PDB file of N, CA and C in Angstrom:
ATOM      1  N   MET A   1     -23.470 111.458 -93.339  1.00  0.00           N
ATOM      2  CA  MET A   1     -22.786 112.594 -93.358  1.00  0.00           C
ATOM      3  C   MET A   1     -21.382 112.225 -92.878  1.00  0.00           C
ATOM      4  N   PRO A   2     -20.562 111.916 -93.746  1.00  0.00           N
ATOM      5  CA  PRO A   2     -19.167 111.640 -93.427  1.00  0.00           C
ATOM      6  C   PRO A   2     -18.414 112.896 -93.062  1.00  0.00           C
ATOM      7  N   ILE A   3     -17.294 112.817 -92.173  1.00  0.00           N
ATOM      8  CA  ILE A   3     -16.242 113.733 -92.071  1.00  0.00           C
ATOM      9  C   ILE A   3     -15.234 113.575 -93.139  1.00  0.00           C
ATOM     10  N   THR A   4     -14.854 114.594 -93.670  1.00  0.00           N
ATOM     11  CA  THR A   4     -13.847 114.228 -94.734  1.00  0.00           C
ATOM     12  C   THR A   4     -12.487 115.069 -94.164  1.00  0.00           C
ATOM     13  N   ILE A   5     -11.301 114.526 -94.693  1.00  0.00           N
ATOM     14  CA  ILE A   5     -10.050 114.899 -94.167  1.00  0.00           C
ATOM     15  C   ILE A   5      -9.226 114.837 -95.493  1.00  0.00           C
ATOM     16  N   GLU A   6      -8.330 115.976 -95.618  1.00  0.00           N
ATOM     17  CA  GLU A   6      -7.591 116.105 -96.939  1.00  0.00           C
ATOM     18  C   GLU A   6      -6.346 116.742 -96.421  1.00  0.00           C
ATOM     19  N   LYS A   7      -5.356 116.415 -97.294  1.00  0.00           N
ATOM     20  CA  LYS A   7      -4.075 117.225 -97.069  1.00  0.00           C
ATOM     21  C   LYS A   7      -4.021 118.444 -98.288  1.00  0.00           C
ATOM     22  N   LEU A   8      -3.716 119.709 -97.906  1.00  0.00           N
ATOM     23  CA  LEU A   8      -3.743 120.852 -98.799  1.00  0.00           C
ATOM     24  C   LEU A   8      -2.396 121.069 -99.268  1.00  0.00           C
ATOM     25  N   SER A   9      -2.277 121.428-100.599  1.00  0.00           N
ATOM     26  CA  SER A   9      -1.226 121.997-101.288  1.00  0.00           C
ATOM     27  C   SER A   9      -1.044 123.457-100.578  1.00  0.00           C
ATOM     28  N   PRO A  10       0.092 123.914-100.772  1.00  0.00           N
ATOM     29  CA  PRO A  10       0.503 125.190-100.372  1.00  0.00           C
ATOM     30  C   PRO A  10      -0.403 126.309-101.031  1.00  0.00           C
ATOM     31  N   LYS A  11      -0.495 125.975-102.346  1.00  0.00           N
ATOM     32  CA  LYS A  11      -1.434 126.833-103.160  1.00  0.00           C
ATOM     33  C   LYS A  11      -2.762 127.030-102.721  1.00  0.00           C
ATOM     34  N   LYS A  12      -3.478 125.886-102.366  1.00  0.00           N
ATOM     35  CA  LYS A  12      -4.861 125.651-101.814  1.00  0.00           C
ATOM     36  C   LYS A  12      -4.913 126.366-100.492  1.00  0.00           C
ATOM     37  N   ARG A  13      -4.054 126.048 -99.506  1.00  0.00           N
ATOM     38  CA  ARG A  13      -4.114 126.765 -98.427  1.00  0.00           C
ATOM     39  C   ARG A  13      -3.901 128.426 -98.663  1.00  0.00           C
ATOM     40  N   GLU A  14      -3.167 128.782 -99.403  1.00  0.00           N
ATOM     41  CA  GLU A  14      -3.160 130.311 -99.848  1.00  0.00           C
ATOM     42  C   GLU A  14      -4.564 130.840-100.419  1.00  0.00           C
ATOM     43  N   ALA A  15      -5.099 129.983-101.093  1.00  0.00           N
ATOM     44  CA  ALA A  15      -6.285 130.386-101.789  1.00  0.00           C
ATOM     45  C   ALA A  15      -7.405 130.264-100.781  1.00  0.00           C
ATOM     46  N   LEU A  16      -7.296 129.565 -99.893  1.00  0.00           N
ATOM     47  CA  LEU A  16      -8.387 129.576 -98.753  1.00  0.00           C
ATOM     48  C   LEU A  16      -8.313 130.749 -97.938  1.00  0.00           C
ATOM     49  N   ARG A  17      -7.083 131.405 -97.685  1.00  0.00           N
ATOM     50  CA  ARG A  17      -6.606 132.335 -96.789  1.00  0.00           C
ATOM     51  C   ARG A  17      -6.862 131.694 -95.508  1.00  0.00           C
ATOM     52  N   LEU A  18      -6.481 130.765 -95.074  1.00  0.00           N
ATOM     53  CA  LEU A  18      -6.515 130.042 -93.777  1.00  0.00           C
ATOM     54  C   LEU A  18      -5.857 130.858 -92.742  1.00  0.00           C
ATOM     55  N   ASP A  19      -4.711 131.489 -92.965  1.00  0.00           N
ATOM     56  CA  ASP A  19      -4.094 132.540 -92.121  1.00  0.00           C
ATOM     57  C   ASP A  19      -5.194 133.569 -91.460  1.00  0.00           C
ATOM     58  N   GLU A  20      -6.255 133.810 -92.141  1.00  0.00           N
ATOM     59  CA  GLU A  20      -7.236 134.873 -91.733  1.00  0.00           C
ATOM     60  C   GLU A  20      -8.311 134.439 -90.880  1.00  0.00           C
ATOM     61  N   TRP A  21      -8.456 132.998 -90.765  1.00  0.00           N
ATOM     62  CA  TRP A  21      -9.631 132.380 -90.213  1.00  0.00           C
ATOM     63  C   TRP A  21      -9.229 132.523 -88.797  1.00  0.00           C
ATOM     64  N   PRO A  22     -10.273 132.554 -87.740  1.00  0.00           N
ATOM     65  CA  PRO A  22     -10.176 132.454 -86.375  1.00  0.00           C
ATOM     66  C   PRO A  22      -9.286 131.166 -85.958  1.00  0.00           C
ATOM     67  N   ILE A  23      -8.798 131.072 -84.594  1.00  0.00           N
ATOM     68  CA  ILE A  23      -8.121 130.077 -84.378  1.00  0.00           C
ATOM     69  C   ILE A  23      -8.805 129.619 -82.819  1.00  0.00           C
ATOM     70  N   TRP A  24      -8.951 128.638 -82.720  1.00  0.00           N
ATOM     71  CA  TRP A  24      -9.534 127.813 -81.730  1.00  0.00           C
ATOM     72  C   TRP A  24      -8.462 126.709 -81.142  1.00  0.00           C
ATOM     73  N   GLN A  25      -8.512 126.788 -79.719  1.00  0.00           N
ATOM     74  CA  GLN A  25      -7.548 125.775 -78.989  1.00  0.00           C
ATOM     75  C   GLN A  25      -8.245 125.022 -77.865  1.00  0.00           C
ATOM     76  N   CYS A  26      -7.562 123.974 -77.633  1.00  0.00           N
ATOM     77  CA  CYS A  26      -8.406 123.103 -76.564  1.00  0.00           C
ATOM     78  C   CYS A  26      -7.281 121.935 -76.007  1.00  0.00           C
ATOM     79  N   GLU A  27      -7.343 122.047 -74.535  1.00  0.00           N
ATOM     80  CA  GLU A  27      -6.274 120.968 -74.034  1.00  0.00           C
ATOM     81  C   GLU A  27      -7.012 119.588 -74.116  1.00  0.00           C
ATOM     82  N   PRO A  28      -6.271 118.568 -73.746  1.00  0.00           N
ATOM     83  CA  PRO A  28      -6.528 117.301 -73.986  1.00  0.00           C
ATOM     84  C   PRO A  28      -7.918 116.977 -72.907  1.00  0.00           C
ATOM     85  N   SER A  29      -8.964 116.422 -73.567  1.00  0.00           N
ATOM     86  CA  SER A  29     -10.261 116.399 -73.206  1.00  0.00           C
ATOM     87  C   SER A  29     -11.195 115.423 -73.940  1.00  0.00           C
ATOM     88  N   ALA A  30     -12.654 115.252 -73.457  1.00  0.00           N
ATOM     89  CA  ALA A  30     -13.354 114.378 -74.369  1.00  0.00           C
ATOM     90  C   ALA A  30     -14.682 115.125 -74.121  1.00  0.00           C
ATOM     91  N   PHE A  31     -15.501 115.300 -75.140  1.00  0.00           N
ATOM     92  CA  PHE A  31     -16.909 115.927 -75.088  1.00  0.00           C
ATOM     93  C   PHE A  31     -17.617 115.810 -76.280  1.00  0.00           C
ATOM     94  N   PRO A  32     -18.885 115.896 -76.059  1.00  0.00           N
ATOM     95  CA  PRO A  32     -19.918 115.626 -77.171  1.00  0.00           C
ATOM     96  C   PRO A  32     -19.915 116.982 -78.072  1.00  0.00           C
ATOM     97  N   TRP A  33     -20.254 116.887 -79.057  1.00  0.00           N
ATOM     98  CA  TRP A  33     -20.455 118.023 -80.062  1.00  0.00           C
ATOM     99  C   TRP A  33     -21.584 117.730 -81.199  1.00  0.00           C
ATOM    100  N   HIS A  34     -22.377 118.839 -81.493  1.00  0.00           N
ATOM    101  CA  HIS A  34     -23.333 118.842 -82.403  1.00  0.00           C
ATOM    102  C   HIS A  34     -22.884 119.956 -83.423  1.00  0.00           C
ATOM    103  N   TYR A  35     -22.961 119.911 -84.684  1.00  0.00           N
ATOM    104  CA  TYR A  35     -22.642 120.894 -85.712  1.00  0.00           C
ATOM    105  C   TYR A  35     -23.974 121.424 -86.205  1.00  0.00           C
ATOM    106  N   ASP A  36     -24.157 122.697 -85.816  1.00  0.00           N
ATOM    107  CA  ASP A  36     -25.463 123.614 -86.332  1.00  0.00           C
ATOM    108  C   ASP A  36     -25.142 123.898 -87.875  1.00  0.00           C
ATOM    109  N   GLN A  37     -23.871 124.044 -88.036  1.00  0.00           N
ATOM    110  CA  GLN A  37     -23.504 124.458 -89.427  1.00  0.00           C
ATOM    111  C   GLN A  37     -22.317 123.652 -89.925  1.00  0.00           C
ATOM    112  N   GLU A  38     -21.997 123.788 -91.187  1.00  0.00           N
ATOM    113  CA  GLU A  38     -20.697 122.962 -91.660  1.00  0.00           C
ATOM    114  C   GLU A  38     -19.530 123.735 -91.043  1.00  0.00           C
ATOM    115  N   GLU A  39     -18.579 122.987 -90.618  1.00  0.00           N
ATOM    116  CA  GLU A  39     -17.229 123.637 -90.083  1.00  0.00           C
ATOM    117  C   GLU A  39     -16.006 122.966 -91.010  1.00  0.00           C
ATOM    118  N   SER A  40     -15.196 124.008 -91.480  1.00  0.00           N
ATOM    119  CA  SER A  40     -13.958 123.545 -92.089  1.00  0.00           C
ATOM    120  C   SER A  40     -13.045 124.149 -91.081  1.00  0.00           C
ATOM    121  N   CYS A  41     -11.838 123.201 -90.966  1.00  0.00           N
ATOM    122  CA  CYS A  41     -10.977 123.602 -90.074  1.00  0.00           C
ATOM    123  C   CYS A  41      -9.564 122.935 -90.653  1.00  0.00           C
ATOM    124  N   TYR A  42      -8.523 123.934 -90.159  1.00  0.00           N
ATOM    125  CA  TYR A  42      -7.101 123.212 -90.646  1.00  0.00           C
ATOM    126  C   TYR A  42      -6.385 123.082 -89.391  1.00  0.00           C
ATOM    127  N   ILE A  43      -5.912 121.902 -89.015  1.00  0.00           N
ATOM    128  CA  ILE A  43      -5.206 121.557 -87.771  1.00  0.00           C
ATOM    129  C   ILE A  43      -3.845 121.999 -87.735  1.00  0.00           C
ATOM    130  N   LEU A  44      -3.301 122.882 -86.900  1.00  0.00           N
ATOM    131  CA  LEU A  44      -2.111 123.574 -86.528  1.00  0.00           C
ATOM    132  C   LEU A  44      -1.294 122.531 -85.726  1.00  0.00           C
ATOM    133  N   GLU A  45      -1.902 122.140 -84.726  1.00  0.00           N
ATOM    134  CA  GLU A  45      -1.149 121.275 -83.691  1.00  0.00           C
ATOM    135  C   GLU A  45      -2.235 120.446 -83.153  1.00  0.00           C
ATOM    136  N   GLY A  46      -1.817 119.164 -82.750  1.00  0.00           N
ATOM    137  CA  GLY A  46      -2.684 118.340 -81.915  1.00  0.00           C
ATOM    138  C   GLY A  46      -2.936 117.032 -82.472  1.00  0.00           C
ATOM    139  N   GLU A  47      -3.699 116.296 -81.872  1.00  0.00           N
ATOM    140  CA  GLU A  47      -4.168 114.957 -82.337  1.00  0.00           C
ATOM    141  C   GLU A  47      -5.624 114.755 -81.604  1.00  0.00           C
ATOM    142  N   ILE A  48      -6.604 114.379 -82.597  1.00  0.00           N
ATOM    143  CA  ILE A  48      -7.881 114.091 -82.007  1.00  0.00           C
ATOM    144  C   ILE A  48      -8.502 112.829 -82.658  1.00  0.00           C
ATOM    145  N   THR A  49      -9.317 112.187 -82.022  1.00  0.00           N
ATOM    146  CA  THR A  49     -10.176 111.133 -82.772  1.00  0.00           C
ATOM    147  C   THR A  49     -11.589 111.593 -82.302  1.00  0.00           C
ATOM    148  N   VAL A  50     -12.403 111.622 -83.705  1.00  0.00           N
ATOM    149  CA  VAL A  50     -13.706 112.251 -83.416  1.00  0.00           C
ATOM    150  C   VAL A  50     -14.512 110.917 -83.896  1.00  0.00           C
ATOM    151  N   THR A  51     -15.425 110.686 -83.112  1.00  0.00           N
ATOM    152  CA  THR A  51     -16.471 109.341 -83.369  1.00  0.00           C
ATOM    153  C   THR A  51     -17.937 109.711 -83.615  1.00  0.00           C
ATOM    154  N   THR A  52     -18.553 109.033 -84.660  1.00  0.00           N
ATOM    155  CA  THR A  52     -19.854 109.469 -84.956  1.00  0.00           C
ATOM    156  C   THR A  52     -20.505 108.001 -84.924  1.00  0.00           C
ATOM    157  N   ALA A  53     -21.888 107.996 -85.364  1.00  0.00           N
ATOM    158  CA  ALA A  53     -22.487 106.636 -85.235  1.00  0.00           C
ATOM    159  C   ALA A  53     -21.986 105.929 -86.568  1.00  0.00           C
ATOM    160  N   GLU A  54     -21.392 106.505 -87.514  1.00  0.00           N
ATOM    161  CA  GLU A  54     -21.005 105.717 -88.887  1.00  0.00           C
ATOM    162  C   GLU A  54     -19.574 105.627 -88.911  1.00  0.00           C
ATOM    163  N   GLN A  55     -18.748 106.356 -88.129  1.00  0.00           N
ATOM    164  CA  GLN A  55     -17.316 106.424 -88.332  1.00  0.00           C
ATOM    165  C   GLN A  55     -16.323 106.982 -87.042  1.00  0.00           C
ATOM    166  N   ALA A  56     -15.188 106.531 -87.172  1.00  0.00           N
ATOM    167  CA  ALA A  56     -14.393 107.187 -86.128  1.00  0.00           C
ATOM    168  C   ALA A  56     -13.036 107.698 -87.050  1.00  0.00           C
ATOM    169  N   VAL A  57     -12.667 109.043 -86.807  1.00  0.00           N
ATOM    170  CA  VAL A  57     -11.581 109.444 -87.623  1.00  0.00           C
ATOM    171  C   VAL A  57     -10.577 110.122 -86.699  1.00  0.00           C
ATOM    172  N   HIS A  58      -9.218 109.711 -87.136  1.00  0.00           N
ATOM    173  CA  HIS A  58      -8.057 110.179 -86.433  1.00  0.00           C
ATOM    174  C   HIS A  58      -7.435 111.498 -87.177  1.00  0.00           C
ATOM    175  N   ILE A  59      -7.324 112.571 -86.316  1.00  0.00           N
ATOM    176  CA  ILE A  59      -7.102 113.945 -86.999  1.00  0.00           C
ATOM    177  C   ILE A  59      -5.762 114.386 -86.516  1.00  0.00           C
ATOM    178  N   VAL A  60      -4.879 114.894 -87.126  1.00  0.00           N
ATOM    179  CA  VAL A  60      -3.540 115.396 -86.634  1.00  0.00           C
ATOM    180  C   VAL A  60      -3.142 116.585 -87.414  1.00  0.00           C
ATOM    181  N   ALA A  61      -2.165 117.175 -86.994  1.00  0.00           N
ATOM    182  CA  ALA A  61      -1.613 118.398 -87.540  1.00  0.00           C
ATOM    183  C   ALA A  61      -1.424 118.362 -89.131  1.00  0.00           C
ATOM    184  N   GLY A  62      -1.900 119.271 -89.708  1.00  0.00           N
ATOM    185  CA  GLY A  62      -1.817 119.256 -91.173  1.00  0.00           C
ATOM    186  C   GLY A  62      -3.084 118.766 -91.993  1.00  0.00           C
ATOM    187  N   ASP A  63      -4.133 118.238 -91.267  1.00  0.00           N
ATOM    188  CA  ASP A  63      -5.279 117.830 -91.827  1.00  0.00           C
ATOM    189  C   ASP A  63      -6.147 118.864 -92.014  1.00  0.00           C
ATOM    190  N   TYR A  64      -6.750 118.965 -92.987  1.00  0.00           N
ATOM    191  CA  TYR A  64      -7.974 119.948 -93.394  1.00  0.00           C
ATOM    192  C   TYR A  64      -9.131 118.952 -93.290  1.00  0.00           C
ATOM    193  N   VAL A  65     -10.224 119.451 -92.282  1.00  0.00           N
ATOM    194  CA  VAL A  65     -11.190 118.530 -92.096  1.00  0.00           C
ATOM    195  C   VAL A  65     -12.656 119.419 -92.199  1.00  0.00           C
ATOM    196  N   THR A  66     -13.503 118.571 -92.772  1.00  0.00           N
ATOM    197  CA  THR A  66     -14.826 119.168 -92.967  1.00  0.00           C
ATOM    198  C   THR A  66     -15.801 118.410 -92.116  1.00  0.00           C
ATOM    199  N   PHE A  67     -16.468 119.040 -91.300  1.00  0.00           N
ATOM    200  CA  PHE A  67     -17.731 118.420 -90.548  1.00  0.00           C
ATOM    201  C   PHE A  67     -18.925 118.909 -91.026  1.00  0.00           C
ATOM    202  N   PRO A  68     -19.856 118.080 -91.471  1.00  0.00           N
ATOM    203  CA  PRO A  68     -21.006 118.446 -91.992  1.00  0.00           C
ATOM    204  C   PRO A  68     -22.114 118.829 -90.935  1.00  0.00           C
ATOM    205  N   LYS A  69     -22.834 119.882 -91.540  1.00  0.00           N
ATOM    206  CA  LYS A  69     -24.032 120.513 -90.667  1.00  0.00           C
ATOM    207  C   LYS A  69     -24.885 119.150 -90.292  1.00  0.00           C
ATOM    208  N   GLY A  70     -25.341 119.263 -88.964  1.00  0.00           N
ATOM    209  CA  GLY A  70     -26.181 118.216 -88.433  1.00  0.00           C
ATOM    210  C   GLY A  70     -25.572 117.166 -87.759  1.00  0.00           C
ATOM    211  N   LEU A  71     -24.200 117.108 -87.890  1.00  0.00           N
ATOM    212  CA  LEU A  71     -23.298 115.913 -87.320  1.00  0.00           C
ATOM    213  C   LEU A  71     -23.494 115.797 -85.746  1.00  0.00           C
ATOM    214  N   ASP A  72     -23.701 114.749 -85.136  1.00  0.00           N
ATOM    215  CA  ASP A  72     -23.369 114.568 -83.793  1.00  0.00           C
ATOM    216  C   ASP A  72     -22.208 113.642 -83.557  1.00  0.00           C
ATOM    217  N   CYS A  73     -21.449 114.000 -82.690  1.00  0.00           N
ATOM    218  CA  CYS A  73     -20.097 113.286 -82.571  1.00  0.00           C
ATOM    219  C   CYS A  73     -19.424 113.629 -81.215  1.00  0.00           C
ATOM    220  N   GLN A  74     -18.541 112.588 -80.943  1.00  0.00           N
ATOM    221  CA  GLN A  74     -17.894 112.660 -79.719  1.00  0.00           C
ATOM    222  C   GLN A  74     -16.380 113.061 -80.166  1.00  0.00           C
ATOM    223  N   TRP A  75     -15.770 114.011 -79.329  1.00  0.00           N
ATOM    224  CA  TRP A  75     -14.352 114.504 -79.373  1.00  0.00           C
ATOM    225  C   TRP A  75     -13.690 113.933 -78.349  1.00  0.00           C
ATOM    226  N   GLN A  76     -12.612 113.246 -78.803  1.00  0.00           N
ATOM    227  CA  GLN A  76     -11.477 112.882 -77.764  1.00  0.00           C
ATOM    228  C   GLN A  76     -10.187 113.553 -78.210  1.00  0.00           C
ATOM    229  N   VAL A  77      -9.838 114.483 -77.366  1.00  0.00           N
ATOM    230  CA  VAL A  77      -8.468 115.323 -77.834  1.00  0.00           C
ATOM    231  C   VAL A  77      -7.308 114.767 -76.999  1.00  0.00           C
ATOM    232  N   HIS A  78      -6.478 114.047 -77.862  1.00  0.00           N
ATOM    233  CA  HIS A  78      -5.259 113.367 -77.132  1.00  0.00           C
ATOM    234  C   HIS A  78      -4.286 114.137 -76.776  1.00  0.00           C
ATOM    235  N   ALA A  79      -3.987 115.219 -77.779  1.00  0.00           N
ATOM    236  CA  ALA A  79      -2.855 116.218 -77.594  1.00  0.00           C
ATOM    237  C   ALA A  79      -3.437 117.527 -77.887  1.00  0.00           C
ATOM    238  N   ALA A  80      -3.022 118.568 -77.008  1.00  0.00           N
ATOM    239  CA  ALA A  80      -3.633 120.004 -77.248  1.00  0.00           C
ATOM    240  C   ALA A  80      -3.785 120.305 -78.733  1.00  0.00           C
ATOM    241  N   VAL A  81      -4.834 120.912 -78.990  1.00  0.00           N
ATOM    242  CA  VAL A  81      -5.236 121.144 -80.287  1.00  0.00           C
ATOM    243  C   VAL A  81      -5.322 122.861 -80.564  1.00  0.00           C
ATOM    244  N   ARG A  82      -4.783 123.234 -81.762  1.00  0.00           N
ATOM    245  CA  ARG A  82      -4.861 124.621 -82.176  1.00  0.00           C
ATOM    246  C   ARG A  82      -5.227 124.515 -83.779  1.00  0.00           C
ATOM    247  N   LYS A  83      -6.313 125.157 -84.012  1.00  0.00           N
ATOM    248  CA  LYS A  83      -6.785 125.101 -85.308  1.00  0.00           C
ATOM    249  C   LYS A  83      -7.355 126.363 -85.877  1.00  0.00           C
ATOM    250  N   HIS A  84      -7.320 126.577 -87.245  1.00  0.00           N
ATOM    251  CA  HIS A  84      -8.105 127.598 -87.910  1.00  0.00           C
ATOM    252  C   HIS A  84      -9.372 127.011 -88.145  1.00  0.00           C
ATOM    253  N   TYR A  85     -10.244 127.872 -87.950  1.00  0.00           N
ATOM    254  CA  TYR A  85     -11.711 127.184 -88.423  1.00  0.00           C
ATOM    255  C   TYR A  85     -12.685 128.366 -89.094  1.00  0.00           C
ATOM    256  N   LEU A  86     -13.635 127.576 -89.527  1.00  0.00           N
ATOM    257  CA  LEU A  86     -14.758 128.560 -90.394  1.00  0.00           C
ATOM    258  C   LEU A  86     -15.920 127.890 -90.378  1.00  0.00           C
ATOM    259  N   PHE A  87     -17.114 128.511 -89.834  1.00  0.00           N
ATOM    260  CA  PHE A  87     -18.408 127.871 -90.061  1.00  0.00           C
ATOM    261  C   PHE A  87     -18.927 128.541 -91.090  1.00  0.00           C
ATOM    262  N   ARG A  88     -19.765 127.744 -91.965  1.00  0.00           N
ATOM    263  CA  ARG A  88     -20.634 128.213 -93.171  1.00  0.00           C
ATOM    264  C   ARG A  88     -22.085 127.799 -92.977  1.00  0.00           C
TER     265      ARG A  88
END
């Protein structure tokens, strides 16, 4: 269950209607997380490292990230995060 990260073109950002998605914010911290649903998110601000049994990914502003359903991971928020998100 890999975490995927991509950079979106302005056209794709508009097609996804990201500006209509809710916003989540978090101060620097560390915590475990389990995904009951797939989550797609667009990072507006911040820096995070997410670690799973298979990988560690570094996430920064401008990244579009997909976390698969069933994923167990550890979040390390290095700089305050602000993101648009959508669960499916």
